[in-house]
Amino acid sequence: MRTILKGLVTALVLGSAAVASAAPCNDVTVSGSVTAAPVYTVTAKAPIVVTQKPVITHPIIVVKPHASWVDLSGGIRLRGADTVAVGRQQGEFKTIELVRDGGRGDTKVQDVTITFANGQTQTICVDKILTGRDNTLQLDLAGNYRFIQSVSITGQSFDHGSIQLRAV
């Protein structure tokens, strides 16, 4: 009886292996109806290989924060609104400053709008006159160190007055 069972199990295993090699597939199940024969389940899956190159949407710029003030404009004479283009190449900043130039005229600054490199904006209502005694206006940027795309200043310069935009 034992040799008959061995022969039956051997025939089942070899017969199904031949069928599996004749018609390859991902899942192969070998089973027998004899109670003494073990049931074998074999699952074979092809490996999945994914290769993808990194996608760079803009150049990566690594710039250390500035240790001192960086001039972003020359003398600006305000007659309504003026915009200063800055750009990523200037680096990241945490504070901007408007300074009255050494001329004799004053400049009234109504508001300042900062457009960051990611498209977000920050508008600060200032309503301040930069004079010979009070000649500096510092504005902290939301979010600490940020790349600035542009700064728009609305106001009016009087008697040949002008201001300069700086950042740190």
C-alpha atoms as a PDB file:
ATOM      1  CA  MET A   1       0.000   0.000   0.000  1.00  0.00           C
ATOM      2  CA  ARG A   2       2.864   2.317   0.883  1.00  0.00           C
ATOM      3  CA  THR A   3       4.535   1.892  -2.515  1.00  0.00           C
ATOM      4  CA  ILE A   4       1.247   2.561  -4.258  1.00  0.00           C
ATOM      5  CA  LEU A   5       0.844   5.848  -2.376  1.00  0.00           C
ATOM      6  CA  LYS A   6       4.426   6.880  -3.185  1.00  0.00           C
ATOM      7  CA  GLY A   7       3.847   6.097  -6.814  1.00  0.00           C
ATOM      8  CA  LEU A   8       0.574   8.020  -6.855  1.00  0.00           C
ATOM      9  CA  VAL A   9       2.128  11.087  -5.185  1.00  0.00           C
ATOM     10  CA  THR A  10       5.116  10.935  -7.534  1.00  0.00           C
ATOM     11  CA  ALA A  11       2.804  10.710 -10.549  1.00  0.00           C
ATOM     12  CA  LEU A  12       0.733  13.651  -9.354  1.00  0.00           C
ATOM     13  CA  VAL A  13       3.777  15.843  -8.674  1.00  0.00           C
ATOM     14  CA  LEU A  14       5.613  14.990 -11.889  1.00  0.00           C
ATOM     15  CA  GLY A  15       2.480  15.149 -14.007  1.00  0.00           C
ATOM     16  CA  SER A  16       1.499  18.572 -12.755  1.00  0.00           C
ATOM     17  CA  ALA A  17       5.092  19.823 -13.077  1.00  0.00           C
ATOM     18  CA  ALA A  18       5.031  18.782 -16.709  1.00  0.00           C
ATOM     19  CA  VAL A  19       1.746  20.638 -17.163  1.00  0.00           C
ATOM     20  CA  ALA A  20       3.192  23.697 -15.440  1.00  0.00           C
ATOM     21  CA  SER A  21       6.225  23.713 -17.716  1.00  0.00           C
ATOM     22  CA  ALA A  22       4.090  23.188 -20.821  1.00  0.00           C
ATOM     23  CA  ALA A  23       1.827  26.137 -20.040  1.00  0.00           C
ATOM     24  CA  PRO A  24       3.612  28.626 -17.770  1.00  0.00           C
ATOM     25  CA  CYS A  25       1.492  30.903 -15.618  1.00  0.00           C
ATOM     26  CA  ASN A  26       1.859  32.998 -12.485  1.00  0.00           C
ATOM     27  CA  ASP A  27      -0.101  30.738 -10.105  1.00  0.00           C
ATOM     28  CA  VAL A  28       0.303  26.934 -10.034  1.00  0.00           C
ATOM     29  CA  THR A  29      -1.627  24.772  -7.604  1.00  0.00           C
ATOM     30  CA  VAL A  30      -0.855  21.087  -7.226  1.00  0.00           C
ATOM     31  CA  SER A  31      -3.311  18.999  -5.198  1.00  0.00           C
ATOM     32  CA  GLY A  32      -4.432  15.390  -4.998  1.00  0.00           C
ATOM     33  CA  SER A  33      -7.592  13.648  -3.951  1.00  0.00           C
ATOM     34  CA  VAL A  34      -5.779  10.953  -1.970  1.00  0.00           C
ATOM     35  CA  THR A  35      -6.107  11.667   1.743  1.00  0.00           C
ATOM     36  CA  ALA A  36      -2.541  10.632   2.547  1.00  0.00           C
ATOM     37  CA  ALA A  37      -0.967  12.843  -0.147  1.00  0.00           C
ATOM     38  CA  PRO A  38       0.156  16.350   0.929  1.00  0.00           C
ATOM     39  CA  VAL A  39      -1.206  19.429  -0.911  1.00  0.00           C
ATOM     40  CA  TYR A  40       1.403  21.788  -2.457  1.00  0.00           C
ATOM     41  CA  THR A  41       0.729  25.397  -3.454  1.00  0.00           C
ATOM     42  CA  VAL A  42       3.341  27.279  -5.468  1.00  0.00           C
ATOM     43  CA  THR A  43       2.946  30.946  -6.292  1.00  0.00           C
ATOM     44  CA  ALA A  44       5.461  32.558  -8.648  1.00  0.00           C
ATOM     45  CA  LYS A  45       5.288  36.251  -9.549  1.00  0.00           C
ATOM     46  CA  ALA A  46       7.544  38.162 -11.863  1.00  0.00           C
ATOM     47  CA  PRO A  47       9.565  40.907 -10.124  1.00  0.00           C
ATOM     48  CA  ILE A  48       8.408  44.468 -10.768  1.00  0.00           C
ATOM     49  CA  VAL A  49      11.202  46.856 -11.708  1.00  0.00           C
ATOM     50  CA  VAL A  50      10.480  50.568 -11.717  1.00  0.00           C
ATOM     51  CA  THR A  51      13.061  53.024 -12.945  1.00  0.00           C
ATOM     52  CA  GLN A  52      12.374  56.729 -12.966  1.00  0.00           C
ATOM     53  CA  LYS A  53      14.686  59.681 -13.454  1.00  0.00           C
ATOM     54  CA  PRO A  54      14.253  62.576 -11.000  1.00  0.00           C
ATOM     55  CA  VAL A  55      12.209  65.484 -12.302  1.00  0.00           C
ATOM     56  CA  ILE A  56      13.677  68.930 -11.646  1.00  0.00           C
ATOM     57  CA  THR A  57      11.199  71.731 -12.301  1.00  0.00           C
ATOM     58  CA  HIS A  58      13.580  74.601 -11.519  1.00  0.00           C
ATOM     59  CA  PRO A  59      17.259  74.859 -10.715  1.00  0.00           C
ATOM     60  CA  ILE A  60      18.218  74.168  -7.133  1.00  0.00           C
ATOM     61  CA  ILE A  61      19.818  77.234  -5.590  1.00  0.00           C
ATOM     62  CA  VAL A  62      21.539  76.962  -2.231  1.00  0.00           C
ATOM     63  CA  VAL A  63      22.287  80.366  -0.776  1.00  0.00           C
ATOM     64  CA  LYS A  64      23.336  81.131   2.786  1.00  0.00           C
ATOM     65  CA  PRO A  65      21.484  83.935   4.571  1.00  0.00           C
ATOM     66  CA  HIS A  66      23.113  87.328   4.140  1.00  0.00           C
ATOM     67  CA  ALA A  67      25.230  88.677   6.986  1.00  0.00           C
ATOM     68  CA  SER A  68      24.703  92.317   6.016  1.00  0.00           C
ATOM     69  CA  TRP A  69      22.234  94.454   4.078  1.00  0.00           C
ATOM     70  CA  VAL A  70      21.994  93.826   0.330  1.00  0.00           C
ATOM     71  CA  ASP A  71      21.042  96.717  -1.945  1.00  0.00           C
ATOM     72  CA  LEU A  72      18.098  95.684  -4.129  1.00  0.00           C
ATOM     73  CA  SER A  73      17.548  99.023  -5.862  1.00  0.00           C
ATOM     74  CA  GLY A  74      19.085 102.358  -6.582  1.00  0.00           C
ATOM     75  CA  GLY A  75      17.272 105.563  -5.671  1.00  0.00           C
ATOM     76  CA  ILE A  76      13.530 105.194  -6.227  1.00  0.00           C
ATOM     77  CA  ARG A  77      11.437 108.334  -6.716  1.00  0.00           C
ATOM     78  CA  LEU A  78       7.878 107.341  -5.966  1.00  0.00           C
ATOM     79  CA  ARG A  79       5.072 108.797  -8.063  1.00  0.00           C
ATOM     80  CA  GLY A  80       2.291 106.352  -7.304  1.00  0.00           C
ATOM     81  CA  ALA A  81       3.553 102.775  -7.452  1.00  0.00           C
ATOM     82  CA  ASP A  82       6.942 101.325  -8.339  1.00  0.00           C
ATOM     83  CA  THR A  83       8.024  97.673  -8.516  1.00  0.00           C
ATOM     84  CA  VAL A  84      11.528  96.339  -7.918  1.00  0.00           C
ATOM     85  CA  ALA A  85      12.316  92.928  -9.435  1.00  0.00           C
ATOM     86  CA  VAL A  86      14.484  90.834  -7.103  1.00  0.00           C
ATOM     87  CA  GLY A  87      14.603  87.135  -8.102  1.00  0.00           C
ATOM     88  CA  ARG A  88      15.932  83.905  -6.580  1.00  0.00           C
ATOM     89  CA  GLN A  89      19.536  84.676  -7.545  1.00  0.00           C
ATOM     90  CA  GLN A  90      19.658  87.356  -4.812  1.00  0.00           C
ATOM     91  CA  GLY A  91      19.065  84.704  -2.120  1.00  0.00           C
ATOM     92  CA  GLU A  92      16.711  84.391   0.829  1.00  0.00           C
ATOM     93  CA  PHE A  93      15.788  87.301   3.044  1.00  0.00           C
ATOM     94  CA  LYS A  94      14.051  87.760   6.367  1.00  0.00           C
ATOM     95  CA  THR A  95      13.697  91.573   6.564  1.00  0.00           C
ATOM     96  CA  ILE A  96      13.432  94.355   4.000  1.00  0.00           C
ATOM     97  CA  GLU A  97      14.293  97.967   4.668  1.00  0.00           C
ATOM     98  CA  LEU A  98      13.362 101.237   2.991  1.00  0.00           C
ATOM     99  CA  VAL A  99      15.945 103.977   3.555  1.00  0.00           C
ATOM    100  CA  ARG A 100      15.567 107.635   2.628  1.00  0.00           C
ATOM    101  CA  ASP A 101      18.419 108.666   0.353  1.00  0.00           C
ATOM    102  CA  GLY A 102      20.596 111.585   1.389  1.00  0.00           C
ATOM    103  CA  GLY A 103      18.656 114.154  -0.704  1.00  0.00           C
ATOM    104  CA  ARG A 104      16.658 116.926   0.854  1.00  0.00           C
ATOM    105  CA  GLY A 105      13.185 115.621   0.000  1.00  0.00           C
ATOM    106  CA  ASP A 106      10.936 113.328   2.006  1.00  0.00           C
ATOM    107  CA  THR A 107       9.043 110.289   0.762  1.00  0.00           C
ATOM    108  CA  LYS A 108       5.632 109.093   1.941  1.00  0.00           C
ATOM    109  CA  VAL A 109       5.258 105.296   1.792  1.00  0.00           C
ATOM    110  CA  GLN A 110       1.645 104.109   1.821  1.00  0.00           C
ATOM    111  CA  ASP A 111       1.996 100.353   1.440  1.00  0.00           C
ATOM    112  CA  VAL A 112       4.495  97.671   0.447  1.00  0.00           C
ATOM    113  CA  THR A 113       3.585  94.385  -1.289  1.00  0.00           C
ATOM    114  CA  ILE A 114       6.164  91.599  -1.364  1.00  0.00           C
ATOM    115  CA  THR A 115       5.671  88.809  -3.902  1.00  0.00           C
ATOM    116  CA  PHE A 116       7.579  85.674  -2.955  1.00  0.00           C
ATOM    117  CA  ALA A 117       9.075  83.149  -5.379  1.00  0.00           C
ATOM    118  CA  ASN A 118       6.275  80.649  -4.666  1.00  0.00           C
ATOM    119  CA  GLY A 119       3.619  83.207  -5.725  1.00  0.00           C
ATOM    120  CA  GLN A 120       2.407  84.147  -2.241  1.00  0.00           C
ATOM    121  CA  THR A 121       2.161  87.832  -1.382  1.00  0.00           C
ATOM    122  CA  GLN A 122       2.458  89.879   1.799  1.00  0.00           C
ATOM    123  CA  THR A 123       1.016  93.391   1.874  1.00  0.00           C
ATOM    124  CA  ILE A 124       1.994  95.773   4.673  1.00  0.00           C
ATOM    125  CA  CYS A 125       0.083  99.042   5.134  1.00  0.00           C
ATOM    126  CA  VAL A 126       2.747 101.489   6.247  1.00  0.00           C
ATOM    127  CA  ASP A 127       1.435 105.076   5.859  1.00  0.00           C
ATOM    128  CA  LYS A 128       4.720 106.622   7.004  1.00  0.00           C
ATOM    129  CA  ILE A 129       6.821 109.562   5.830  1.00  0.00           C
ATOM    130  CA  LEU A 130      10.580 108.969   5.656  1.00  0.00           C
ATOM    131  CA  THR A 131      12.246 112.230   6.682  1.00  0.00           C
ATOM    132  CA  GLY A 132      15.739 113.415   7.602  1.00  0.00           C
ATOM    133  CA  ARG A 133      15.193 112.431  11.247  1.00  0.00           C
ATOM    134  CA  ASP A 134      13.112 109.275  10.738  1.00  0.00           C
ATOM    135  CA  ASN A 135      14.753 107.904   7.595  1.00  0.00           C
ATOM    136  CA  THR A 136      14.468 104.105   7.925  1.00  0.00           C
ATOM    137  CA  LEU A 137      11.579 101.642   7.761  1.00  0.00           C
ATOM    138  CA  GLN A 138      12.211  97.929   8.473  1.00  0.00           C
ATOM    139  CA  LEU A 139       9.617  95.273   7.590  1.00  0.00           C
ATOM    140  CA  ASP A 140       9.870  91.618   8.672  1.00  0.00           C
ATOM    141  CA  LEU A 141       8.822  89.017   6.114  1.00  0.00           C
ATOM    142  CA  ALA A 142       6.185  86.420   6.949  1.00  0.00           C
ATOM    143  CA  GLY A 143       7.777  82.980   7.270  1.00  0.00           C
ATOM    144  CA  ASN A 144      11.316  84.147   8.072  1.00  0.00           C
ATOM    145  CA  TYR A 145      13.888  83.508   5.308  1.00  0.00           C
ATOM    146  CA  ARG A 146      12.187  83.585   1.884  1.00  0.00           C
ATOM    147  CA  PHE A 147      13.043  84.112  -1.775  1.00  0.00           C
ATOM    148  CA  ILE A 148      11.570  87.385  -3.026  1.00  0.00           C
ATOM    149  CA  GLN A 149      10.346  87.721  -6.600  1.00  0.00           C
ATOM    150  CA  SER A 150       9.470  91.428  -6.433  1.00  0.00           C
ATOM    151  CA  VAL A 151       8.614  94.307  -4.091  1.00  0.00           C
ATOM    152  CA  SER A 152       5.938  96.876  -5.008  1.00  0.00           C
ATOM    153  CA  ILE A 153       5.966 100.185  -3.154  1.00  0.00           C
ATOM    154  CA  THR A 154       3.116 102.697  -3.272  1.00  0.00           C
ATOM    155  CA  GLY A 155       3.714 106.291  -2.208  1.00  0.00           C
ATOM    156  CA  GLN A 156       4.935 109.757  -3.188  1.00  0.00           C
ATOM    157  CA  SER A 157       8.359 111.442  -3.149  1.00  0.00           C
ATOM    158  CA  PHE A 158       8.533 115.211  -2.489  1.00  0.00           C
ATOM    159  CA  ASP A 159      11.192 117.750  -3.489  1.00  0.00           C
ATOM    160  CA  HIS A 160      13.454 115.284  -5.323  1.00  0.00           C
ATOM    161  CA  GLY A 161      13.307 112.800  -2.447  1.00  0.00           C
ATOM    162  CA  SER A 162      14.063 109.133  -3.074  1.00  0.00           C
ATOM    163  CA  ILE A 163      14.357 105.865  -1.195  1.00  0.00           C
ATOM    164  CA  GLN A 164      16.474 102.774  -1.477  1.00  0.00           C
ATOM    165  CA  LEU A 165      15.301  99.168  -0.983  1.00  0.00           C
ATOM    166  CA  ARG A 166      17.624  96.840   0.970  1.00  0.00           C
ATOM    167  CA  ALA A 167      17.209  93.395   2.512  1.00  0.00           C
ATOM    168  CA  VAL A 168      18.957  91.054   4.904  1.00  0.00           C
END
